Amino acid sequence: MSIGLFKIDYYLIITMTNSGDPEGSIIKAFRNRGYRATSQRIAISRYILSNHEHPTAQKAYLEVKKTHPTVSLATVYSTLKILNDIGLVMELNISQGETRYDPNIEAHAHLLCIQCGSLIDWSDPIMGELISKVSAAANFTVIGSSLDLKGICDGCRRKGDSTPPRAAAND
């Protein structure tokens, strides 16, 4: 029975590689760096790369487990490490003890609400220009950047929940 499943997964991987879709790019990225493109890694990658809510590994695990019940948390963590190493996601250590993952690898800022924990990307051409300017002026090769702004989102502000907790405000 497992041979039949292997054939289905293998056929799916071959089909996805030849179809020119984003999953084909994921498979290529794994294989070009010597990693196997398993159905679980593809499912984890698909979830992370299409999710702009900056999920945690635990959230990715719970979502992928719905379609791949045998996936382990260790597989999720190792796949996220690979995606980070090959430059397809950024690892964000914004909140205390919580690592989140961002598929947006372009220069941008993160707006973190200290009340509800929402994390929003904010992009502006000035970000790239600033990085280029600093790099040239300091004769410094920038390989990554992060601008994290903490505050209170519009939703929390409208609810009247605008008093920042002391510990989070100074984080």
C-alpha atoms as a PDB file:
ATOM      1  CA  MET A   1       0.000   0.000   0.000  1.00  0.00           C
ATOM      2  CA  SER A   2       2.813   2.455   0.750  1.00  0.00           C
ATOM      3  CA  ILE A   3       4.235   1.785  -2.712  1.00  0.00           C
ATOM      4  CA  GLY A   4       0.989   3.074  -4.226  1.00  0.00           C
ATOM      5  CA  LEU A   5       1.182   6.208  -2.082  1.00  0.00           C
ATOM      6  CA  PHE A   6       4.790   6.728  -3.104  1.00  0.00           C
ATOM      7  CA  LYS A   7       3.817   6.486  -6.776  1.00  0.00           C
ATOM      8  CA  ILE A   8       1.035   9.027  -6.286  1.00  0.00           C
ATOM      9  CA  ASP A   9       3.330  11.452  -4.456  1.00  0.00           C
ATOM     10  CA  TYR A  10       6.088  10.911  -6.998  1.00  0.00           C
ATOM     11  CA  TYR A  11       3.680  11.477  -9.887  1.00  0.00           C
ATOM     12  CA  LEU A  12       2.371  14.617  -8.167  1.00  0.00           C
ATOM     13  CA  ILE A  13       5.893  15.948  -7.725  1.00  0.00           C
ATOM     14  CA  ILE A  14       6.835  15.229 -11.357  1.00  0.00           C
ATOM     15  CA  THR A  15       3.609  16.834 -12.600  1.00  0.00           C
ATOM     16  CA  MET A  16       4.107  19.911 -10.426  1.00  0.00           C
ATOM     17  CA  THR A  17       7.699  20.316 -11.568  1.00  0.00           C
ATOM     18  CA  ASN A  18       6.689  20.300 -15.221  1.00  0.00           C
ATOM     19  CA  SER A  19       3.656  22.547 -14.867  1.00  0.00           C
ATOM     20  CA  GLY A  20       5.508  25.840 -14.317  1.00  0.00           C
ATOM     21  CA  ASP A  21       3.482  26.721 -11.204  1.00  0.00           C
ATOM     22  CA  PRO A  22       4.893  28.040  -7.915  1.00  0.00           C
ATOM     23  CA  GLU A  23       5.106  24.552  -6.441  1.00  0.00           C
ATOM     24  CA  GLY A  24       7.406  23.624  -9.310  1.00  0.00           C
ATOM     25  CA  SER A  25       9.687  26.446  -8.204  1.00  0.00           C
ATOM     26  CA  ILE A  26       9.615  25.147  -4.642  1.00  0.00           C
ATOM     27  CA  ILE A  27      10.572  21.678  -5.827  1.00  0.00           C
ATOM     28  CA  LYS A  28      13.365  23.082  -7.971  1.00  0.00           C
ATOM     29  CA  ALA A  29      14.674  25.169  -5.064  1.00  0.00           C
ATOM     30  CA  PHE A  30      14.817  22.107  -2.793  1.00  0.00           C
ATOM     31  CA  ARG A  31      16.408  19.850  -5.394  1.00  0.00           C
ATOM     32  CA  ASN A  32      18.969  22.441  -6.548  1.00  0.00           C
ATOM     33  CA  ARG A  33      20.292  22.549  -3.004  1.00  0.00           C
ATOM     34  CA  GLY A  34      20.299  18.791  -2.483  1.00  0.00           C
ATOM     35  CA  TYR A  35      17.083  18.432  -0.479  1.00  0.00           C
ATOM     36  CA  ARG A  36      14.324  15.956  -1.247  1.00  0.00           C
ATOM     37  CA  ALA A  37      11.057  17.570  -2.292  1.00  0.00           C
ATOM     38  CA  THR A  38       8.679  15.422  -0.256  1.00  0.00           C
ATOM     39  CA  SER A  39       4.932  15.982  -0.291  1.00  0.00           C
ATOM     40  CA  GLN A  40       5.117  17.179   3.329  1.00  0.00           C
ATOM     41  CA  ARG A  41       7.848  19.727   2.554  1.00  0.00           C
ATOM     42  CA  ILE A  42       5.876  20.939  -0.441  1.00  0.00           C
ATOM     43  CA  ALA A  43       2.702  21.303   1.650  1.00  0.00           C
ATOM     44  CA  ILE A  44       4.575  23.196   4.389  1.00  0.00           C
ATOM     45  CA  SER A  45       6.240  25.432   1.804  1.00  0.00           C
ATOM     46  CA  ARG A  46       2.957  26.080  -0.001  1.00  0.00           C
ATOM     47  CA  TYR A  47       1.304  27.097   3.275  1.00  0.00           C
ATOM     48  CA  ILE A  48       4.136  29.379   4.442  1.00  0.00           C
ATOM     49  CA  LEU A  49       4.777  31.013   1.063  1.00  0.00           C
ATOM     50  CA  SER A  50       1.101  31.806   0.509  1.00  0.00           C
ATOM     51  CA  ASN A  51       0.429  33.039   4.049  1.00  0.00           C
ATOM     52  CA  HIS A  52       1.023  36.711   4.735  1.00  0.00           C
ATOM     53  CA  GLU A  53      -0.025  36.558   8.392  1.00  0.00           C
ATOM     54  CA  HIS A  54       3.520  35.625   9.454  1.00  0.00           C
ATOM     55  CA  PRO A  55       2.628  32.231  10.950  1.00  0.00           C
ATOM     56  CA  THR A  56       4.579  30.427  13.628  1.00  0.00           C
ATOM     57  CA  ALA A  57       5.889  26.890  13.134  1.00  0.00           C
ATOM     58  CA  GLN A  58       3.110  25.655  15.426  1.00  0.00           C
ATOM     59  CA  LYS A  59       0.428  27.346  13.283  1.00  0.00           C
ATOM     60  CA  ALA A  60       1.965  25.888  10.104  1.00  0.00           C
ATOM     61  CA  TYR A  61       2.053  22.457  11.747  1.00  0.00           C
ATOM     62  CA  LEU A  62      -1.627  22.604  12.733  1.00  0.00           C
ATOM     63  CA  GLU A  63      -2.685  23.733   9.252  1.00  0.00           C
ATOM     64  CA  VAL A  64      -0.555  21.251   7.281  1.00  0.00           C
ATOM     65  CA  LYS A  65      -1.578  18.404   9.608  1.00  0.00           C
ATOM     66  CA  LYS A  66      -5.150  18.779   8.291  1.00  0.00           C
ATOM     67  CA  THR A  67      -4.065  17.482   4.875  1.00  0.00           C
ATOM     68  CA  HIS A  68      -0.949  15.549   5.905  1.00  0.00           C
ATOM     69  CA  PRO A  69      -1.848  13.848   9.213  1.00  0.00           C
ATOM     70  CA  THR A  70       1.550  12.155   9.574  1.00  0.00           C
ATOM     71  CA  VAL A  71       3.570  15.387   9.399  1.00  0.00           C
ATOM     72  CA  SER A  72       5.648  16.041  12.502  1.00  0.00           C
ATOM     73  CA  LEU A  73       6.524  19.334  14.148  1.00  0.00           C
ATOM     74  CA  ALA A  74      10.191  18.433  13.576  1.00  0.00           C
ATOM     75  CA  THR A  75       9.538  18.232   9.810  1.00  0.00           C
ATOM     76  CA  VAL A  76       7.883  21.657   9.926  1.00  0.00           C
ATOM     77  CA  TYR A  77      10.863  23.166  11.766  1.00  0.00           C
ATOM     78  CA  SER A  78      13.421  21.568   9.445  1.00  0.00           C
ATOM     79  CA  THR A  79      11.488  22.707   6.353  1.00  0.00           C
ATOM     80  CA  LEU A  80      11.243  26.261   7.707  1.00  0.00           C
ATOM     81  CA  LYS A  81      15.002  26.236   8.331  1.00  0.00           C
ATOM     82  CA  ILE A  82      15.594  25.119   4.742  1.00  0.00           C
ATOM     83  CA  LEU A  83      13.234  27.804   3.379  1.00  0.00           C
ATOM     84  CA  ASN A  84      15.077  30.410   5.457  1.00  0.00           C
ATOM     85  CA  ASP A  85      18.514  29.114   4.406  1.00  0.00           C
ATOM     86  CA  ILE A  86      17.644  29.210   0.700  1.00  0.00           C
ATOM     87  CA  GLY A  87      16.167  32.699   0.999  1.00  0.00           C
ATOM     88  CA  LEU A  88      12.482  31.987   0.398  1.00  0.00           C
ATOM     89  CA  VAL A  89      11.324  33.196   3.831  1.00  0.00           C
ATOM     90  CA  MET A  90      12.577  35.486   6.569  1.00  0.00           C
ATOM     91  CA  GLU A  91      12.661  34.317  10.148  1.00  0.00           C
ATOM     92  CA  LEU A  92      11.209  36.964  12.453  1.00  0.00           C
ATOM     93  CA  ASN A  93      12.008  37.056  16.163  1.00  0.00           C
ATOM     94  CA  ILE A  94       9.769  39.962  17.030  1.00  0.00           C
ATOM     95  CA  SER A  95       7.717  38.761  19.979  1.00  0.00           C
ATOM     96  CA  GLN A  96       9.126  37.277  23.145  1.00  0.00           C
ATOM     97  CA  GLY A  97       9.947  33.626  22.523  1.00  0.00           C
ATOM     98  CA  GLU A  98       7.930  33.434  19.321  1.00  0.00           C
ATOM     99  CA  THR A  99       9.478  32.997  15.881  1.00  0.00           C
ATOM    100  CA  ARG A 100       7.290  33.858  12.917  1.00  0.00           C
ATOM    101  CA  TYR A 101       7.942  33.412   9.207  1.00  0.00           C
ATOM    102  CA  ASP A 102       7.546  35.952   6.421  1.00  0.00           C
ATOM    103  CA  PRO A 103       7.460  35.036   2.725  1.00  0.00           C
ATOM    104  CA  ASN A 104       7.978  38.693   1.789  1.00  0.00           C
ATOM    105  CA  ILE A 105      11.756  38.900   1.433  1.00  0.00           C
ATOM    106  CA  GLU A 106      11.797  42.395  -0.074  1.00  0.00           C
ATOM    107  CA  ALA A 107      12.799  45.375   2.074  1.00  0.00           C
ATOM    108  CA  HIS A 108       9.817  46.322   4.236  1.00  0.00           C
ATOM    109  CA  ALA A 109       8.839  47.155   7.797  1.00  0.00           C
ATOM    110  CA  HIS A 110       6.794  45.098  10.237  1.00  0.00           C
ATOM    111  CA  LEU A 111       4.085  46.804  12.259  1.00  0.00           C
ATOM    112  CA  LEU A 112       3.475  44.791  15.433  1.00  0.00           C
ATOM    113  CA  CYS A 113       0.419  45.537  17.552  1.00  0.00           C
ATOM    114  CA  ILE A 114       1.372  45.080  21.186  1.00  0.00           C
ATOM    115  CA  GLN A 115      -2.292  44.568  22.121  1.00  0.00           C
ATOM    116  CA  CYS A 116      -3.577  41.888  19.728  1.00  0.00           C
ATOM    117  CA  GLY A 117      -0.269  40.623  18.288  1.00  0.00           C
ATOM    118  CA  SER A 118      -1.156  41.335  14.663  1.00  0.00           C
ATOM    119  CA  LEU A 119       1.849  41.707  12.403  1.00  0.00           C
ATOM    120  CA  ILE A 120       1.476  43.694   9.198  1.00  0.00           C
ATOM    121  CA  ASP A 121       3.949  44.320   6.390  1.00  0.00           C
ATOM    122  CA  TRP A 122       4.462  47.911   5.326  1.00  0.00           C
ATOM    123  CA  SER A 123       6.312  48.597   2.112  1.00  0.00           C
ATOM    124  CA  ASP A 124       7.585  51.807   0.603  1.00  0.00           C
ATOM    125  CA  PRO A 125      10.236  52.407  -2.068  1.00  0.00           C
ATOM    126  CA  ILE A 126      12.148  54.487   0.466  1.00  0.00           C
ATOM    127  CA  MET A 127      13.093  51.276   2.315  1.00  0.00           C
ATOM    128  CA  GLY A 128      15.174  49.971  -0.592  1.00  0.00           C
ATOM    129  CA  GLU A 129      16.592  53.417  -1.257  1.00  0.00           C
ATOM    130  CA  LEU A 130      17.648  53.799   2.376  1.00  0.00           C
ATOM    131  CA  ILE A 131      19.368  50.423   2.387  1.00  0.00           C
ATOM    132  CA  SER A 132      21.207  51.274  -0.848  1.00  0.00           C
ATOM    133  CA  LYS A 133      22.244  54.671   0.512  1.00  0.00           C
ATOM    134  CA  VAL A 134      23.540  53.256   3.807  1.00  0.00           C
ATOM    135  CA  SER A 135      25.310  50.429   1.997  1.00  0.00           C
ATOM    136  CA  ALA A 136      27.096  52.820  -0.383  1.00  0.00           C
ATOM    137  CA  ALA A 137      27.941  55.454   2.253  1.00  0.00           C
ATOM    138  CA  ALA A 138      29.332  52.920   4.721  1.00  0.00           C
ATOM    139  CA  ASN A 139      30.951  50.691   2.079  1.00  0.00           C
ATOM    140  CA  PHE A 140      28.905  47.886   3.604  1.00  0.00           C
ATOM    141  CA  THR A 141      27.281  44.922   1.852  1.00  0.00           C
ATOM    142  CA  VAL A 142      23.795  44.475   3.268  1.00  0.00           C
ATOM    143  CA  ILE A 143      22.609  40.855   3.276  1.00  0.00           C
ATOM    144  CA  GLY A 144      19.448  41.391   5.282  1.00  0.00           C
ATOM    145  CA  SER A 145      17.460  43.990   7.119  1.00  0.00           C
ATOM    146  CA  SER A 146      14.642  44.302   9.578  1.00  0.00           C
ATOM    147  CA  LEU A 147      12.623  47.281  10.716  1.00  0.00           C
ATOM    148  CA  ASP A 148      10.103  46.408  13.396  1.00  0.00           C
ATOM    149  CA  LEU A 149       7.716  49.086  14.623  1.00  0.00           C
ATOM    150  CA  LYS A 150       5.683  48.339  17.722  1.00  0.00           C
ATOM    151  CA  GLY A 151       2.490  50.123  18.566  1.00  0.00           C
ATOM    152  CA  ILE A 152      -1.278  49.796  18.582  1.00  0.00           C
ATOM    153  CA  CYS A 153      -3.211  48.841  15.462  1.00  0.00           C
ATOM    154  CA  ASP A 154      -6.272  50.703  14.255  1.00  0.00           C
ATOM    155  CA  GLY A 155      -8.602  47.898  15.366  1.00  0.00           C
ATOM    156  CA  CYS A 156      -7.354  47.968  18.960  1.00  0.00           C
ATOM    157  CA  ARG A 157      -7.290  51.765  18.992  1.00  0.00           C
ATOM    158  CA  ARG A 158     -10.942  51.872  17.879  1.00  0.00           C
ATOM    159  CA  LYS A 159     -11.885  49.446  20.652  1.00  0.00           C
ATOM    160  CA  GLY A 160     -10.378  51.895  23.105  1.00  0.00           C
ATOM    161  CA  ASP A 161      -7.650  49.444  24.058  1.00  0.00           C
ATOM    162  CA  SER A 162      -4.788  51.887  23.534  1.00  0.00           C
ATOM    163  CA  THR A 163      -2.898  51.691  26.815  1.00  0.00           C
ATOM    164  CA  PRO A 164       0.289  49.773  26.037  1.00  0.00           C
ATOM    165  CA  PRO A 165       1.406  47.183  28.546  1.00  0.00           C
ATOM    166  CA  ARG A 166       4.659  48.363  30.135  1.00  0.00           C
ATOM    167  CA  ALA A 167       6.737  45.237  29.431  1.00  0.00           C
ATOM    168  CA  ALA A 168       5.705  44.999  25.772  1.00  0.00           C
ATOM    169  CA  ALA A 169       6.129  48.722  25.120  1.00  0.00           C
ATOM    170  CA  ASN A 170       9.780  48.638  26.138  1.00  0.00           C
ATOM    171  CA  ASP A 171      10.536  45.357  24.373  1.00  0.00           C
END
